[in-house]
């Protein structure tokens, strides 16, 4: 009897091994590497069978919904969205994954937090033919996340209170006493602070500029870029140094007395898309990843967001963009955050 059972088991195992490859579902890693001409068709078919995906994002609700609605209309795959701050998205995703609760399929978040997730080994490297179309500085070598949009940190002013002709041509111009009590900045923009300070002849000179600015004219510190943009549009704040360009453009196009300005290279945060290594809907996750870097770029562009697909939407030659390196922020962010709190936040 024992010999009979062994022979039956061996035959069953041989039969299983002889099953065609099509009968076995490819792993997420295999799907992420696949580069056949029918890549999108395979992912779309698999995504429809999976029935949906879950997205964790820090993007504004209206803008993210515009993208997910277009994705669902295109592929018939619904997207469940959970939105929080970039730090909340990082913490919730990590906490759930480490607890064995694999709820999230795709992260859409700031580059710093995505890089942190990469270092925690929870993201899947993705090989996509569209990567060659993306701004090179937005494509980390590991391919575990890819920049899909940029948040340009620009200045704005209320056109009823400030004339463009009066704007300084260099940062030192804001040391003029005429700007006393008229300047505002966001509460947590230490990365912008670092980027601007590094544009001076030395970091020490840049840091010294901010010390002088605060001592001479002061800085009104507000929490939230959207709030700061709205306060400038309403006239409560005459001029703000750090708002997201797309929000300012949307308000301006809506008729607000608001205009944008820049001095030198424009600091830009990379925001990207990444697939969880533990995704329960691998086809849908990879399909959304592809959509964000391809067709979804048109939606971002239409909404005034700086898309990273420079083959479709090249940046104008008149704008010099300075990408804030997420890896730099992870490694040196505490130093700059402490300086920002000491020089700017705590004194205002």
C-alpha atoms as a PDB file:
ATOM      1  CA  UNK A   1       0.000   0.000   0.000  1.00  0.00           C
ATOM      2  CA  UNK A   2       2.850   2.381   0.910  1.00  0.00           C
ATOM      3  CA  UNK A   3       4.555   1.765  -2.452  1.00  0.00           C
ATOM      4  CA  UNK A   4       1.251   2.389  -4.220  1.00  0.00           C
ATOM      5  CA  UNK A   5       0.739   5.736  -2.449  1.00  0.00           C
ATOM      6  CA  UNK A   6       4.283   6.836  -3.237  1.00  0.00           C
ATOM      7  CA  UNK A   7       3.805   6.032  -6.913  1.00  0.00           C
ATOM      8  CA  UNK A   8       0.495   7.940  -7.000  1.00  0.00           C
ATOM      9  CA  UNK A   9       2.102  10.991  -5.349  1.00  0.00           C
ATOM     10  CA  UNK A  10       5.009  10.900  -7.794  1.00  0.00           C
ATOM     11  CA  UNK A  11       2.647  10.701 -10.739  1.00  0.00           C
ATOM     12  CA  UNK A  12       0.607  13.608  -9.408  1.00  0.00           C
ATOM     13  CA  UNK A  13       3.742  15.706  -8.924  1.00  0.00           C
ATOM     14  CA  UNK A  14       4.937  14.913 -12.433  1.00  0.00           C
ATOM     15  CA  UNK A  15       1.543  15.849 -13.791  1.00  0.00           C
ATOM     16  CA  UNK A  16       1.608  19.164 -11.941  1.00  0.00           C
ATOM     17  CA  UNK A  17       5.071  19.979 -13.240  1.00  0.00           C
ATOM     18  CA  UNK A  18       3.888  19.199 -16.743  1.00  0.00           C
ATOM     19  CA  UNK A  19       1.089  21.791 -16.571  1.00  0.00           C
ATOM     20  CA  UNK A  20       1.469  24.539 -19.181  1.00  0.00           C
ATOM     21  CA  UNK A  21       2.961  27.806 -17.931  1.00  0.00           C
ATOM     22  CA  UNK A  22      -0.314  29.609 -18.693  1.00  0.00           C
ATOM     23  CA  UNK A  23      -2.023  27.628 -15.917  1.00  0.00           C
ATOM     24  CA  UNK A  24       0.293  29.111 -13.293  1.00  0.00           C
ATOM     25  CA  UNK A  25      -0.122  32.790 -12.352  1.00  0.00           C
ATOM     26  CA  UNK A  26       3.065  34.817 -12.805  1.00  0.00           C
ATOM     27  CA  UNK A  27       4.469  36.460  -9.698  1.00  0.00           C
ATOM     28  CA  UNK A  28       4.498  40.217  -9.168  1.00  0.00           C
ATOM     29  CA  UNK A  29       8.239  40.269  -9.854  1.00  0.00           C
ATOM     30  CA  UNK A  30       7.735  38.413 -13.138  1.00  0.00           C
ATOM     31  CA  UNK A  31       4.948  40.779 -14.183  1.00  0.00           C
ATOM     32  CA  UNK A  32       7.095  43.792 -13.245  1.00  0.00           C
ATOM     33  CA  UNK A  33       9.924  42.540 -15.483  1.00  0.00           C
ATOM     34  CA  UNK A  34       7.798  41.566 -18.447  1.00  0.00           C
ATOM     35  CA  UNK A  35       8.562  43.723 -21.489  1.00  0.00           C
ATOM     36  CA  UNK A  36       6.662  42.017 -24.269  1.00  0.00           C
ATOM     37  CA  UNK A  37       4.747  44.020 -26.861  1.00  0.00           C
ATOM     38  CA  UNK A  38       1.498  42.843 -25.239  1.00  0.00           C
ATOM     39  CA  UNK A  39       2.505  44.094 -21.764  1.00  0.00           C
ATOM     40  CA  UNK A  40      -0.428  46.500 -21.352  1.00  0.00           C
ATOM     41  CA  UNK A  41      -2.948  44.035 -22.753  1.00  0.00           C
ATOM     42  CA  UNK A  42      -1.842  41.338 -20.302  1.00  0.00           C
ATOM     43  CA  UNK A  43      -1.900  43.723 -17.356  1.00  0.00           C
ATOM     44  CA  UNK A  44      -5.319  45.081 -18.326  1.00  0.00           C
ATOM     45  CA  UNK A  45      -6.811  41.600 -18.578  1.00  0.00           C
ATOM     46  CA  UNK A  46      -5.307  40.576 -15.249  1.00  0.00           C
ATOM     47  CA  UNK A  47      -6.409  43.808 -13.579  1.00  0.00           C
ATOM     48  CA  UNK A  48     -10.010  43.347 -14.699  1.00  0.00           C
ATOM     49  CA  UNK A  49     -10.004  39.841 -13.262  1.00  0.00           C
ATOM     50  CA  UNK A  50      -8.593  41.129  -9.947  1.00  0.00           C
ATOM     51  CA  UNK A  51     -11.452  43.632  -9.730  1.00  0.00           C
ATOM     52  CA  UNK A  52      -9.738  46.716  -8.321  1.00  0.00           C
ATOM     53  CA  UNK A  53      -6.823  48.146  -6.354  1.00  0.00           C
ATOM     54  CA  UNK A  54      -6.134  50.249  -3.262  1.00  0.00           C
ATOM     55  CA  UNK A  55      -4.103  53.461  -3.479  1.00  0.00           C
ATOM     56  CA  UNK A  56      -2.487  55.368  -0.606  1.00  0.00           C
ATOM     57  CA  UNK A  57      -1.730  58.963  -1.590  1.00  0.00           C
ATOM     58  CA  UNK A  58      -0.809  62.406  -0.295  1.00  0.00           C
ATOM     59  CA  UNK A  59      -2.023  64.152  -3.469  1.00  0.00           C
ATOM     60  CA  UNK A  60      -4.899  66.644  -3.210  1.00  0.00           C
ATOM     61  CA  UNK A  61      -8.256  64.862  -3.410  1.00  0.00           C
ATOM     62  CA  UNK A  62      -9.575  66.611  -6.533  1.00  0.00           C
ATOM     63  CA  UNK A  63      -6.378  66.078  -8.506  1.00  0.00           C
ATOM     64  CA  UNK A  64      -5.912  62.439  -7.500  1.00  0.00           C
ATOM     65  CA  UNK A  65      -9.566  61.649  -8.177  1.00  0.00           C
ATOM     66  CA  UNK A  66      -9.258  63.114 -11.665  1.00  0.00           C
ATOM     67  CA  UNK A  67      -6.493  60.600 -12.376  1.00  0.00           C
ATOM     68  CA  UNK A  68      -8.201  57.563 -10.819  1.00  0.00           C
ATOM     69  CA  UNK A  69     -11.526  58.332 -12.519  1.00  0.00           C
ATOM     70  CA  UNK A  70      -9.762  58.429 -15.883  1.00  0.00           C
ATOM     71  CA  UNK A  71      -7.993  55.151 -15.098  1.00  0.00           C
ATOM     72  CA  UNK A  72     -11.270  53.458 -14.176  1.00  0.00           C
ATOM     73  CA  UNK A  73     -12.978  54.803 -17.296  1.00  0.00           C
ATOM     74  CA  UNK A  74     -10.109  53.510 -19.434  1.00  0.00           C
ATOM     75  CA  UNK A  75      -9.756  50.016 -17.957  1.00  0.00           C
ATOM     76  CA  UNK A  76     -12.920  49.354 -15.957  1.00  0.00           C
ATOM     77  CA  UNK A  77     -10.872  48.844 -12.771  1.00  0.00           C
ATOM     78  CA  UNK A  78     -12.096  50.747  -9.667  1.00  0.00           C
ATOM     79  CA  UNK A  79      -9.610  52.409  -7.318  1.00  0.00           C
ATOM     80  CA  UNK A  80     -10.105  52.708  -3.568  1.00  0.00           C
ATOM     81  CA  UNK A  81      -8.255  55.788  -2.275  1.00  0.00           C
ATOM     82  CA  UNK A  82      -6.935  56.489   1.199  1.00  0.00           C
ATOM     83  CA  UNK A  83      -5.459  59.983   1.538  1.00  0.00           C
ATOM     84  CA  UNK A  84      -3.230  61.430   4.231  1.00  0.00           C
ATOM     85  CA  UNK A  85      -0.128  63.538   4.646  1.00  0.00           C
ATOM     86  CA  UNK A  86       3.049  62.185   3.092  1.00  0.00           C
ATOM     87  CA  UNK A  87       4.223  61.079   6.547  1.00  0.00           C
ATOM     88  CA  UNK A  88       0.841  59.478   7.319  1.00  0.00           C
ATOM     89  CA  UNK A  89       0.965  57.492   4.059  1.00  0.00           C
ATOM     90  CA  UNK A  90       4.467  56.265   4.935  1.00  0.00           C
ATOM     91  CA  UNK A  91       3.572  55.281   8.494  1.00  0.00           C
ATOM     92  CA  UNK A  92       0.260  53.616   7.666  1.00  0.00           C
ATOM     93  CA  UNK A  93       1.757  51.628   4.808  1.00  0.00           C
ATOM     94  CA  UNK A  94       4.730  50.414   6.859  1.00  0.00           C
ATOM     95  CA  UNK A  95       2.680  49.610   9.938  1.00  0.00           C
ATOM     96  CA  UNK A  96       0.198  47.508   7.990  1.00  0.00           C
ATOM     97  CA  UNK A  97       2.808  45.669   5.949  1.00  0.00           C
ATOM     98  CA  UNK A  98       4.940  44.815   8.982  1.00  0.00           C
ATOM     99  CA  UNK A  99       1.797  43.492  10.672  1.00  0.00           C
ATOM    100  CA  UNK A 100       1.079  41.262   7.677  1.00  0.00           C
ATOM    101  CA  UNK A 101      -1.948  43.323   6.572  1.00  0.00           C
ATOM    102  CA  UNK A 102      -1.410  43.835   2.860  1.00  0.00           C
ATOM    103  CA  UNK A 103      -4.042  46.459   2.158  1.00  0.00           C
ATOM    104  CA  UNK A 104      -2.153  48.880  -0.080  1.00  0.00           C
ATOM    105  CA  UNK A 105      -1.311  48.053  -3.692  1.00  0.00           C
ATOM    106  CA  UNK A 106       0.117  51.367  -4.871  1.00  0.00           C
ATOM    107  CA  UNK A 107       1.749  54.318  -3.123  1.00  0.00           C
ATOM    108  CA  UNK A 108       1.525  57.830  -4.620  1.00  0.00           C
ATOM    109  CA  UNK A 109       3.608  60.018  -2.368  1.00  0.00           C
ATOM    110  CA  UNK A 110       6.544  62.391  -2.014  1.00  0.00           C
ATOM    111  CA  UNK A 111       9.963  61.161  -3.090  1.00  0.00           C
ATOM    112  CA  UNK A 112      11.444  61.325   0.398  1.00  0.00           C
ATOM    113  CA  UNK A 113       8.815  59.000   1.841  1.00  0.00           C
ATOM    114  CA  UNK A 114       8.958  56.689  -1.184  1.00  0.00           C
ATOM    115  CA  UNK A 115      12.723  56.438  -0.792  1.00  0.00           C
ATOM    116  CA  UNK A 116      12.184  55.559   2.864  1.00  0.00           C
ATOM    117  CA  UNK A 117       9.786  52.780   1.811  1.00  0.00           C
ATOM    118  CA  UNK A 118      12.383  51.545  -0.662  1.00  0.00           C
ATOM    119  CA  UNK A 119      14.959  51.301   2.111  1.00  0.00           C
ATOM    120  CA  UNK A 120      12.469  49.312   4.163  1.00  0.00           C
ATOM    121  CA  UNK A 121      12.368  46.741   1.314  1.00  0.00           C
ATOM    122  CA  UNK A 122       8.613  46.960   0.751  1.00  0.00           C
ATOM    123  CA  UNK A 123       8.554  48.229  -2.850  1.00  0.00           C
ATOM    124  CA  UNK A 124       8.738  46.275  -6.105  1.00  0.00           C
ATOM    125  CA  UNK A 125      11.251  47.306  -8.775  1.00  0.00           C
ATOM    126  CA  UNK A 126       9.409  47.840 -12.062  1.00  0.00           C
ATOM    127  CA  UNK A 127      10.885  47.720 -15.549  1.00  0.00           C
ATOM    128  CA  UNK A 128       8.719  49.763 -17.875  1.00  0.00           C
ATOM    129  CA  UNK A 129       9.404  50.942 -21.420  1.00  0.00           C
ATOM    130  CA  UNK A 130       8.026  54.374 -20.478  1.00  0.00           C
ATOM    131  CA  UNK A 131      10.867  55.049 -18.017  1.00  0.00           C
ATOM    132  CA  UNK A 132      13.046  56.348 -20.837  1.00  0.00           C
ATOM    133  CA  UNK A 133      10.494  59.155 -21.359  1.00  0.00           C
ATOM    134  CA  UNK A 134      10.674  60.368 -17.746  1.00  0.00           C
ATOM    135  CA  UNK A 135      12.865  63.203 -16.467  1.00  0.00           C
ATOM    136  CA  UNK A 136      16.131  61.371 -15.592  1.00  0.00           C
ATOM    137  CA  UNK A 137      16.392  62.995 -12.139  1.00  0.00           C
ATOM    138  CA  UNK A 138      12.986  61.503 -11.324  1.00  0.00           C
ATOM    139  CA  UNK A 139      14.042  57.896 -11.986  1.00  0.00           C
ATOM    140  CA  UNK A 140      16.066  56.332  -9.140  1.00  0.00           C
ATOM    141  CA  UNK A 141      18.489  53.631 -10.271  1.00  0.00           C
ATOM    142  CA  UNK A 142      16.652  50.957  -8.263  1.00  0.00           C
ATOM    143  CA  UNK A 143      13.329  51.628 -10.115  1.00  0.00           C
ATOM    144  CA  UNK A 144      11.366  50.862  -6.951  1.00  0.00           C
ATOM    145  CA  UNK A 145       9.564  54.167  -7.332  1.00  0.00           C
ATOM    146  CA  UNK A 146       9.406  56.657 -10.184  1.00  0.00           C
ATOM    147  CA  UNK A 147       8.663  60.363 -10.136  1.00  0.00           C
ATOM    148  CA  UNK A 148       5.330  61.033 -11.821  1.00  0.00           C
ATOM    149  CA  UNK A 149       4.962  64.730 -10.986  1.00  0.00           C
ATOM    150  CA  UNK A 150       6.880  67.656  -9.567  1.00  0.00           C
ATOM    151  CA  UNK A 151       5.754  70.131  -6.945  1.00  0.00           C
ATOM    152  CA  UNK A 152       7.519  73.336  -7.883  1.00  0.00           C
ATOM    153  CA  UNK A 153       7.946  75.574  -4.846  1.00  0.00           C
ATOM    154  CA  UNK A 154       7.370  79.070  -6.213  1.00  0.00           C
ATOM    155  CA  UNK A 155       6.630  82.500  -4.824  1.00  0.00           C
ATOM    156  CA  UNK A 156       3.237  84.178  -5.165  1.00  0.00           C
ATOM    157  CA  UNK A 157       1.981  87.683  -4.525  1.00  0.00           C
ATOM    158  CA  UNK A 158      -1.369  89.411  -4.300  1.00  0.00           C
ATOM    159  CA  UNK A 159      -1.588  91.649  -7.366  1.00  0.00           C
ATOM    160  CA  UNK A 160      -3.740  94.190  -5.483  1.00  0.00           C
ATOM    161  CA  UNK A 161      -1.016  94.672  -2.873  1.00  0.00           C
ATOM    162  CA  UNK A 162       2.265  94.081  -4.701  1.00  0.00           C
ATOM    163  CA  UNK A 163       3.390  95.236  -8.135  1.00  0.00           C
ATOM    164  CA  UNK A 164       5.485  92.852 -10.207  1.00  0.00           C
ATOM    165  CA  UNK A 165       7.831  95.740 -11.049  1.00  0.00           C
ATOM    166  CA  UNK A 166       8.648  96.041  -7.336  1.00  0.00           C
ATOM    167  CA  UNK A 167       9.778  92.426  -6.946  1.00  0.00           C
ATOM    168  CA  UNK A 168      13.520  92.035  -6.259  1.00  0.00           C
ATOM    169  CA  UNK A 169      15.694  90.359  -8.873  1.00  0.00           C
ATOM    170  CA  UNK A 170      17.762  88.597  -6.190  1.00  0.00           C
ATOM    171  CA  UNK A 171      17.020  87.196  -2.723  1.00  0.00           C
ATOM    172  CA  UNK A 172      19.034  89.955  -1.040  1.00  0.00           C
ATOM    173  CA  UNK A 173      16.449  92.440  -2.320  1.00  0.00           C
ATOM    174  CA  UNK A 174      13.987  91.153   0.269  1.00  0.00           C
ATOM    175  CA  UNK A 175      16.212  92.617   2.997  1.00  0.00           C
ATOM    176  CA  UNK A 176      14.865  96.060   2.001  1.00  0.00           C
ATOM    177  CA  UNK A 177      12.699  97.423   4.871  1.00  0.00           C
ATOM    178  CA  UNK A 178       9.800  97.954   2.429  1.00  0.00           C
ATOM    179  CA  UNK A 179       9.066  94.209   2.824  1.00  0.00           C
ATOM    180  CA  UNK A 180       8.697  94.331   6.597  1.00  0.00           C
ATOM    181  CA  UNK A 181       5.544  92.503   7.696  1.00  0.00           C
ATOM    182  CA  UNK A 182       4.637  91.463   4.138  1.00  0.00           C
ATOM    183  CA  UNK A 183       6.372  88.093   3.799  1.00  0.00           C
ATOM    184  CA  UNK A 184       5.149  84.591   4.601  1.00  0.00           C
ATOM    185  CA  UNK A 185       6.448  81.043   4.384  1.00  0.00           C
ATOM    186  CA  UNK A 186       5.177  77.506   5.001  1.00  0.00           C
ATOM    187  CA  UNK A 187       5.847  75.844   8.340  1.00  0.00           C
ATOM    188  CA  UNK A 188       7.758  72.740   7.160  1.00  0.00           C
ATOM    189  CA  UNK A 189       9.620  73.833   4.024  1.00  0.00           C
ATOM    190  CA  UNK A 190      13.108  73.123   5.297  1.00  0.00           C
ATOM    191  CA  UNK A 191      13.966  71.425   1.991  1.00  0.00           C
ATOM    192  CA  UNK A 192      13.219  74.662   0.107  1.00  0.00           C
ATOM    193  CA  UNK A 193      15.265  76.525   2.730  1.00  0.00           C
ATOM    194  CA  UNK A 194      18.224  74.181   2.073  1.00  0.00           C
ATOM    195  CA  UNK A 195      17.877  74.470  -1.705  1.00  0.00           C
ATOM    196  CA  UNK A 196      17.850  78.289  -1.627  1.00  0.00           C
ATOM    197  CA  UNK A 197      20.713  78.510   0.884  1.00  0.00           C
ATOM    198  CA  UNK A 198      22.840  76.339  -1.398  1.00  0.00           C
ATOM    199  CA  UNK A 199      22.347  78.814  -4.259  1.00  0.00           C
ATOM    200  CA  UNK A 200      24.398  81.437  -2.406  1.00  0.00           C
ATOM    201  CA  UNK A 201      28.213  81.519  -2.791  1.00  0.00           C
ATOM    202  CA  UNK A 202      28.360  79.279   0.286  1.00  0.00           C
ATOM    203  CA  UNK A 203      25.852  77.512   2.536  1.00  0.00           C
ATOM    204  CA  UNK A 204      26.920  79.742   5.413  1.00  0.00           C
ATOM    205  CA  UNK A 205      26.146  82.841   3.330  1.00  0.00           C
ATOM    206  CA  UNK A 206      22.707  81.440   2.492  1.00  0.00           C
ATOM    207  CA  UNK A 207      21.932  80.633   6.114  1.00  0.00           C
ATOM    208  CA  UNK A 208      23.117  84.095   7.129  1.00  0.00           C
ATOM    209  CA  UNK A 209      20.724  85.640   4.580  1.00  0.00           C
ATOM    210  CA  UNK A 210      17.754  83.988   6.275  1.00  0.00           C
ATOM    211  CA  UNK A 211      18.937  85.126   9.708  1.00  0.00           C
ATOM    212  CA  UNK A 212      19.100  88.707   8.431  1.00  0.00           C
ATOM    213  CA  UNK A 213      15.726  88.430   6.683  1.00  0.00           C
ATOM    214  CA  UNK A 214      13.959  87.247   9.823  1.00  0.00           C
ATOM    215  CA  UNK A 215      15.674  89.874  11.985  1.00  0.00           C
ATOM    216  CA  UNK A 216      14.988  92.720   9.525  1.00  0.00           C
ATOM    217  CA  UNK A 217      11.557  92.058   8.042  1.00  0.00           C
ATOM    218  CA  UNK A 218      10.185  88.943   9.722  1.00  0.00           C
ATOM    219  CA  UNK A 219       8.405  85.974   8.175  1.00  0.00           C
ATOM    220  CA  UNK A 220       4.814  84.982   8.875  1.00  0.00           C
ATOM    221  CA  UNK A 221       4.858  81.192   9.230  1.00  0.00           C
ATOM    222  CA  UNK A 222       1.704  79.320   8.156  1.00  0.00           C
ATOM    223  CA  UNK A 223       0.974  75.595   8.068  1.00  0.00           C
ATOM    224  CA  UNK A 224      -0.139  74.167   4.729  1.00  0.00           C
ATOM    225  CA  UNK A 225       0.674  75.196   1.172  1.00  0.00           C
ATOM    226  CA  UNK A 226      -2.952  75.408   0.076  1.00  0.00           C
ATOM    227  CA  UNK A 227      -3.792  77.587   3.082  1.00  0.00           C
ATOM    228  CA  UNK A 228      -0.826  79.861   2.356  1.00  0.00           C
ATOM    229  CA  UNK A 229      -1.870  80.214  -1.282  1.00  0.00           C
ATOM    230  CA  UNK A 230      -5.441  81.061  -0.291  1.00  0.00           C
ATOM    231  CA  UNK A 231      -4.271  83.597   2.291  1.00  0.00           C
ATOM    232  CA  UNK A 232      -2.200  85.332  -0.379  1.00  0.00           C
ATOM    233  CA  UNK A 233      -5.142  85.347  -2.778  1.00  0.00           C
ATOM    234  CA  UNK A 234      -7.379  86.870  -0.084  1.00  0.00           C
ATOM    235  CA  UNK A 235      -4.831  89.565   0.745  1.00  0.00           C
ATOM    236  CA  UNK A 236      -4.130  88.498   4.330  1.00  0.00           C
ATOM    237  CA  UNK A 237      -0.619  87.674   3.134  1.00  0.00           C
ATOM    238  CA  UNK A 238       0.830  90.092   0.525  1.00  0.00           C
ATOM    239  CA  UNK A 239       3.614  87.738  -0.616  1.00  0.00           C
ATOM    240  CA  UNK A 240       4.485  84.104   0.086  1.00  0.00           C
ATOM    241  CA  UNK A 241       7.775  82.407  -0.718  1.00  0.00           C
ATOM    242  CA  UNK A 242       6.733  78.742  -0.787  1.00  0.00           C
ATOM    243  CA  UNK A 243       3.556  77.483  -2.442  1.00  0.00           C
ATOM    244  CA  UNK A 244       2.951  74.729  -4.961  1.00  0.00           C
ATOM    245  CA  UNK A 245       2.836  76.094  -8.481  1.00  0.00           C
ATOM    246  CA  UNK A 246      -0.178  74.063  -9.646  1.00  0.00           C
ATOM    247  CA  UNK A 247      -2.395  75.256  -6.785  1.00  0.00           C
ATOM    248  CA  UNK A 248      -1.428  78.872  -7.470  1.00  0.00           C
ATOM    249  CA  UNK A 249      -2.097  78.437 -11.191  1.00  0.00           C
ATOM    250  CA  UNK A 250      -5.528  76.944 -10.512  1.00  0.00           C
ATOM    251  CA  UNK A 251      -6.505  79.885  -8.286  1.00  0.00           C
ATOM    252  CA  UNK A 252      -5.126  82.419 -10.751  1.00  0.00           C
ATOM    253  CA  UNK A 253      -7.052  80.847 -13.617  1.00  0.00           C
ATOM    254  CA  UNK A 254     -10.140  80.995 -11.418  1.00  0.00           C
ATOM    255  CA  UNK A 255      -9.833  84.785 -11.211  1.00  0.00           C
ATOM    256  CA  UNK A 256      -7.954  85.267  -7.931  1.00  0.00           C
ATOM    257  CA  UNK A 257      -5.705  88.381  -7.753  1.00  0.00           C
ATOM    258  CA  UNK A 258      -2.643  86.177  -7.627  1.00  0.00           C
ATOM    259  CA  UNK A 259       0.533  85.830  -9.655  1.00  0.00           C
ATOM    260  CA  UNK A 260       3.655  83.690  -9.480  1.00  0.00           C
ATOM    261  CA  UNK A 261       7.342  84.636  -9.374  1.00  0.00           C
ATOM    262  CA  UNK A 262      10.693  82.871  -9.163  1.00  0.00           C
ATOM    263  CA  UNK A 263      14.271  83.874  -8.422  1.00  0.00           C
ATOM    264  CA  UNK A 264      16.996  81.637  -9.826  1.00  0.00           C
ATOM    265  CA  UNK A 265      16.500  77.859 -10.091  1.00  0.00           C
ATOM    266  CA  UNK A 266      13.098  76.689  -8.881  1.00  0.00           C
ATOM    267  CA  UNK A 267      13.278  74.062  -6.092  1.00  0.00           C
ATOM    268  CA  UNK A 268      11.097  71.089  -6.979  1.00  0.00           C
ATOM    269  CA  UNK A 269       9.937  68.134  -4.928  1.00  0.00           C
ATOM    270  CA  UNK A 270       9.599  64.842  -6.755  1.00  0.00           C
ATOM    271  CA  UNK A 271       6.363  62.976  -6.112  1.00  0.00           C
ATOM    272  CA  UNK A 272       6.073  59.496  -7.464  1.00  0.00           C
ATOM    273  CA  UNK A 273       4.317  56.197  -7.802  1.00  0.00           C
ATOM    274  CA  UNK A 274       5.383  52.821  -6.422  1.00  0.00           C
ATOM    275  CA  UNK A 275       4.012  49.290  -6.250  1.00  0.00           C
ATOM    276  CA  UNK A 276       3.971  47.393  -2.961  1.00  0.00           C
ATOM    277  CA  UNK A 277       5.907  44.109  -3.036  1.00  0.00           C
ATOM    278  CA  UNK A 278       2.961  42.622  -1.170  1.00  0.00           C
ATOM    279  CA  UNK A 279       0.232  43.822  -3.519  1.00  0.00           C
ATOM    280  CA  UNK A 280      -2.845  41.586  -3.601  1.00  0.00           C
ATOM    281  CA  UNK A 281      -3.720  42.984  -7.035  1.00  0.00           C
ATOM    282  CA  UNK A 282      -0.398  42.874  -8.911  1.00  0.00           C
ATOM    283  CA  UNK A 283      -1.769  43.351 -12.421  1.00  0.00           C
ATOM    284  CA  UNK A 284      -3.932  46.295 -11.393  1.00  0.00           C
ATOM    285  CA  UNK A 285      -1.082  47.854  -9.408  1.00  0.00           C
ATOM    286  CA  UNK A 286       1.356  47.631 -12.317  1.00  0.00           C
ATOM    287  CA  UNK A 287      -1.274  48.873 -14.757  1.00  0.00           C
ATOM    288  CA  UNK A 288      -1.906  51.946 -12.610  1.00  0.00           C
ATOM    289  CA  UNK A 289       1.851  52.513 -12.319  1.00  0.00           C
ATOM    290  CA  UNK A 290       2.049  52.488 -16.120  1.00  0.00           C
ATOM    291  CA  UNK A 291      -0.971  54.767 -16.427  1.00  0.00           C
ATOM    292  CA  UNK A 292       0.471  57.377 -14.061  1.00  0.00           C
ATOM    293  CA  UNK A 293       3.630  57.621 -16.161  1.00  0.00           C
ATOM    294  CA  UNK A 294       1.865  57.523 -19.524  1.00  0.00           C
ATOM    295  CA  UNK A 295      -1.744  58.508 -20.201  1.00  0.00           C
ATOM    296  CA  UNK A 296      -2.187  59.956 -16.721  1.00  0.00           C
ATOM    297  CA  UNK A 297       0.427  62.592 -17.451  1.00  0.00           C
ATOM    298  CA  UNK A 298      -2.056  64.370 -19.733  1.00  0.00           C
ATOM    299  CA  UNK A 299      -4.479  64.746 -16.814  1.00  0.00           C
ATOM    300  CA  UNK A 300      -1.771  66.133 -14.558  1.00  0.00           C
ATOM    301  CA  UNK A 301      -0.689  68.564 -17.276  1.00  0.00           C
ATOM    302  CA  UNK A 302      -4.257  69.752 -17.854  1.00  0.00           C
ATOM    303  CA  UNK A 303      -4.595  70.523 -14.148  1.00  0.00           C
ATOM    304  CA  UNK A 304      -1.430  72.629 -14.099  1.00  0.00           C
ATOM    305  CA  UNK A 305       0.694  69.957 -12.418  1.00  0.00           C
ATOM    306  CA  UNK A 306       4.276  69.606 -13.676  1.00  0.00           C
ATOM    307  CA  UNK A 307       4.364  66.170 -15.303  1.00  0.00           C
ATOM    308  CA  UNK A 308       7.664  64.269 -15.458  1.00  0.00           C
ATOM    309  CA  UNK A 309       7.110  62.651 -18.858  1.00  0.00           C
ATOM    310  CA  UNK A 310       9.318  65.124 -20.721  1.00  0.00           C
ATOM    311  CA  UNK A 311       8.787  63.334 -24.023  1.00  0.00           C
ATOM    312  CA  UNK A 312       5.128  64.374 -23.853  1.00  0.00           C
ATOM    313  CA  UNK A 313       5.539  67.595 -21.876  1.00  0.00           C
ATOM    314  CA  UNK A 314       9.046  69.068 -22.039  1.00  0.00           C
ATOM    315  CA  UNK A 315       9.881  71.842 -19.617  1.00  0.00           C
ATOM    316  CA  UNK A 316      10.239  75.302 -21.159  1.00  0.00           C
ATOM    317  CA  UNK A 317      13.823  76.439 -21.685  1.00  0.00           C
ATOM    318  CA  UNK A 318      13.080  79.593 -19.677  1.00  0.00           C
ATOM    319  CA  UNK A 319      12.585  77.609 -16.441  1.00  0.00           C
ATOM    320  CA  UNK A 320      15.528  76.140 -14.543  1.00  0.00           C
ATOM    321  CA  UNK A 321      14.388  73.461 -12.137  1.00  0.00           C
ATOM    322  CA  UNK A 322      16.407  72.261  -9.159  1.00  0.00           C
ATOM    323  CA  UNK A 323      15.280  68.804  -8.087  1.00  0.00           C
ATOM    324  CA  UNK A 324      15.429  68.327  -4.317  1.00  0.00           C
ATOM    325  CA  UNK A 325      17.112  64.936  -3.941  1.00  0.00           C
ATOM    326  CA  UNK A 326      15.011  62.622  -1.704  1.00  0.00           C
ATOM    327  CA  UNK A 327      18.106  60.655  -0.680  1.00  0.00           C
ATOM    328  CA  UNK A 328      19.767  63.908   0.439  1.00  0.00           C
ATOM    329  CA  UNK A 329      16.734  64.699   2.587  1.00  0.00           C
ATOM    330  CA  UNK A 330      16.828  61.294   4.263  1.00  0.00           C
ATOM    331  CA  UNK A 331      20.528  61.592   5.026  1.00  0.00           C
ATOM    332  CA  UNK A 332      20.839  65.321   5.841  1.00  0.00           C
ATOM    333  CA  UNK A 333      17.271  66.417   6.436  1.00  0.00           C
ATOM    334  CA  UNK A 334      17.508  66.591  10.233  1.00  0.00           C
ATOM    335  CA  UNK A 335      20.302  69.153  10.078  1.00  0.00           C
ATOM    336  CA  UNK A 336      18.342  71.413   7.730  1.00  0.00           C
ATOM    337  CA  UNK A 337      15.089  70.855   9.591  1.00  0.00           C
ATOM    338  CA  UNK A 338      16.731  71.892  12.856  1.00  0.00           C
ATOM    339  CA  UNK A 339      18.218  74.999  11.221  1.00  0.00           C
ATOM    340  CA  UNK A 340      14.851  75.919   9.703  1.00  0.00           C
ATOM    341  CA  UNK A 341      13.071  75.533  13.040  1.00  0.00           C
ATOM    342  CA  UNK A 342      15.720  77.569  14.845  1.00  0.00           C
ATOM    343  CA  UNK A 343      16.107  80.389  12.313  1.00  0.00           C
ATOM    344  CA  UNK A 344      12.634  80.675  10.775  1.00  0.00           C
ATOM    345  CA  UNK A 345       9.867  78.861  12.653  1.00  0.00           C
ATOM    346  CA  UNK A 346      10.741  79.461  16.295  1.00  0.00           C
ATOM    347  CA  UNK A 347      11.424  83.169  15.725  1.00  0.00           C
ATOM    348  CA  UNK A 348       8.064  83.802  14.037  1.00  0.00           C
END
